[in-house]
Amino acid sequence: MIIGIPPGKYSIIATMIGYQKTRITDILVSFDLTTEVNVEMSSEVLSSGEVVTVTAERPMVVKDLTSSASHVSADQIKAMPVETFGEVLDMQAGMVAGHVRGGRSGETLYMVDGIPVTDPYNGNLAVDIENTSIQELQFITGAFNAEYGQAMSGVVNIVTKDGSDKWSYNISGYFGDHVSNHAKLFRNIDQVSPLEQRNLQVSLSGPIFKNKLSFFTTARIFKADGSLQGVRQFKVDDTFYSALDPRTGLGVDGRWWVKGLNLSDGSIGYAPLDLDSLQNFKTMGYRLGTGDSSFVSMNPYSKTSFHTKLTYRVTPTLSVNFNILRDNSWQRNWDEFFQLNPDGLQDHYKTGGSYTLGLNQQLSQTSFYSLGYSRVEYEWLEYKYKNPEDTKTYADLDGDGSLDLINVLGTQQLYSFITGGIQNSWFNRRTLSEVYKGDYTNQLNHVVELKSGFQARLNDLYRRYIAFDVQTGDTTGYVLKVKPQEFSGYLQTKLEFSSLIVNAGLRYDYFNSNFHLPVDMRDPDVYSPIKPEHRYIDADGDGYIDDQEPFVDSNENGIWEPGETYTDIDGDGKFDTSEKVVANEYSLAQRKAVWYKDAKPKAQFSPRIGIGYPISDKGVIHISYGHFFQIPNYEDMFNNPEFTISSGTGLNSVIGNADLKPQQTVSYEIGLQQQLTDFIGFDLNIYYRDIRNLVSANKVWETYDKRKYVQYINLDYANARGVTLSLEKRHADYWSTDMDYTFQVAEGNASDPQAAFRALQGGSEPEVHLLRLDWDQQHSLNFNMTVGDLQKWGVSLSGQFGSGLPYTPSDDQGNLGTAIPNSGTKPLTVLLDMKLYRNLSLFGQSINFYIKADNLLDILNEYGVYGDTGTATYTLAEDRAINNNAVEAINSLDTYFSHPTWYGEPRRITIGFSLGNN
């Protein structure tokens, strides 16, 4: 028995006196699984030195697999018509609309080479990894082992490639554009540009010091203009607020104005921003806006990524590796109301990085350990101008010699798009995680394997948000700095009998948010106290504010002056001399010292067990059960960290809760693996998941001055049950296929933490009954088929079918009435991708050419719909607007009621190549 072998392909040589030497090649070793190799040796005498070579076949049935998991190798990923590993995950059983087995988003653990790279802020992947870097991808959707924590739905475990003993390289690239007939919906899509999307990637691997130090590195540059375009009809300063009429210079009531171009002489004119005035403006020979009417991409995306892995074999039993992953991206996100003013969109920047140092040592033939340290970084920026002060942009818009504040919000008229301004917020968020990890494995005998480990994760979260008042230029926002801590340990045992396999483990998790909550939830904002006792000093110690403690002496001169806050003791409506005292307000530092209480640390144990029972040499039944806990995302825990409550009536504020409990899932599963022929097998799984303590903005508080706000608590619940069926036909007779079907019912009282808040805002009670969740698609089918000679040519076809996601019916004004939430079903979706490739060999180099079509049939899949019709193509609200003679001064009603982002991406054709010696 050999333990501690990294995933990949291996060869072994078996020798025995009196028998011929035999080499077995292409032995596929997978993560967390035992690979059994049976060697048949013949006593036939061969010539001296001759070796019999046998190619190993991967077993159709994995006997020690005790819960649902899929293993995708580098070769399989290379053959699929996919560009990212996220697309690989989308093709796996149990994945529906980006959700794993009915769970909410952010419930998946991402690991690279045994180190977590999940961003604790929102549960997403902190750093991108390219397909060319992946040696194996393991996707666990069943009851995963105790070594995995902080996840409730699934685990994505990626093992990266090591440096090779021989030099190898690969250069690949592709280019293409959308080729679609849907120009009415996707503006300018019928104009094909071969370089709309372009990609270049280079990989290099080899030894630095033979048998000692090797490396693998890859770098990628990707750019795409996107399928969504706007028209630069307006510039950002074409709409402004002024109390002067820019046409006459005379004073008027403050109002919004719009610039326009005189079509005869090109001069700039002005009109009030109301639809009737704008319509008259156009009849006078003006074109609204001063832009150049060019097409502008509204969802562009560019990215660079880099990965390097160094492996140093200190001794045959000791190795050290250093892994660097880094990516940088820029994008703009479509906003349909800015499609005539596309320059007003914000820029979004993302930087991700992972720097890992690992040590692995084989202590004996039956035991080894690994130690790891990792620094994982994530930063997200979104703004229009890098300097926050630049967002409050001033200009002399009306020519009166004074500066006017540009409409940074973008004023909007009925059934019309925005005619100027920008998306005016400024946001920066950084997460730094330092991970210390250790694991020890001991194969006590051929039956018992023990594994234990620990992990410490020290997080550092920074978040800054700024918003601007369009008319006053005032700023609001907050700064958050917090350092949560996570610690965990586990003990796992694996028993492998000939007729029974058991995986059992226990995990312990500890979490400390290192943050606080207000002591008095009715007066949460330390910067703006409501209760007098929280603001003023009780000078005489009588327990209440009396006539010697009535006012704030803001300039500290001992005299009350107009504008200073005071207590009207005698109720005469004015400040009297008898009410004059010296300043007695607590300082901010004094208030902060007593204002908050610390959140309590959280800890829990979670048991897991999986049992495999071989029913024959070609069939295995497994059952699994486990408890899984996950700390809520920091996005919810630390929301509104200064506990600011909006002024006015109504429910408009949500605050976080650093004292949230872990969310919990209890999972049950039974499954069957069965080999039907030498090339065909299936995997059937039935599962049930009970989900509790989900985060919900459902706790309403009322302040002392009668304002109301909501706090996150653990209250929502859900369950998911379903059946997955996966069918594999291995490559033989020039074709192969992988197909999986998922039947699933996902129900809960809320699909996201904000659902209760939205209900309360609308005057309704939060839902308490089980309803269809937003991702409750009952029937999902994925397949990938390859036809051809894999070494020379092939056609790969992949498809996805969905029976439709739910939506909530409404009337033509969006009113829900008595409709049951998510009681309607959107149209079914069909997506088909195809890839044709040809492999050549020239001067010892491998050359590959391919052409790929995404959404081959150019189907308009509807992912968003109108509540009154259940389709994206038509709404009764447009009929109502037409019947009411709605003015189409800025844009047409047809354009206004068209939503391209409600549909899937149109057909895209790319042509690619690769060149290498591997």
Foldseek 3Di string as FASTA:
>chain_A
DFDDDDFAWDKDWDDDPQWAIEIETRQTDDPPADGDDDDDIDSDDDPPPDYHYHYDDDFLDGQQDFADKDKAFLVNVVPFPDWFVVVVVCQDPQQFPNFGQQDFPLQEFEEEPRHTQADLQRNHGQFGDTSQFFGMWMKGQAFDAQSDFQHDGIYIYTYGDFADAAKKKKKKKWWWAFPFPPCVQQPPRNPTDRHQKIKIKMKIGHAPDHPFKIKIKMKMKIKHLDRHKFWQQAEQQQKFWDQADLVPRHGHHIAIKGWWAQPPPRDIDIFTPDQVRLQVVVVVRTRTHNTPGDIHRQWIKIKMKMKMKMWGPPDVFKIKMKIKIKMKMKTWHDDLLCRNHSLQTKIKIKIKMKIKIKMKGDPDSFKIKMKMKMKIKIKMWIASDPPLLCLQPWDPSSPPPDITGGQQVFDDYPLHGGRHHHVRKIKMKMKIKIKIKMKMWGDPDPFKIKMKMKMKIKMWIWMWMWGADRHPRDIDIDIDIWIKIKIKMKIWMWGDDPFKIKIKMKMKMKIFRRAWFFPDLLQGFLVDGDDVPLWFDPVVPPPDQDLQIFWAPPVQPQFDDPPTGGDPHVPPPDDDPSSGYTHTTDDSVRSVVRGIDGADMAMDMKIKMKMWGAPDPFKIKMKIKIKGWHDRRSVQQCPPVSSDADDDAFEDAEGHRVNEYIKMKIKIKMKMWGDDDPFKIKIKMKMKMWIFQDKAQAAWDAHPVGHIYTYIYRGKIKMKIWMKMWMWGHDDPFKIKIKMKIFMFIWIQAQDRCQQVVQVRVVHGRGDDIDGHQRGFGIKMKMWMWGGDVQFWIKIKIKIKTQFGFAQADALVRHRPPTDGRPHGAHIDMWMKMKIKGWDADPLKIKMKMKIKTRNVFDWAFQDPHRHPRHLQDGCNLVVCVVVVPRQSRHDSNSSSRDSVRTDDTMMMMIMMMMMND
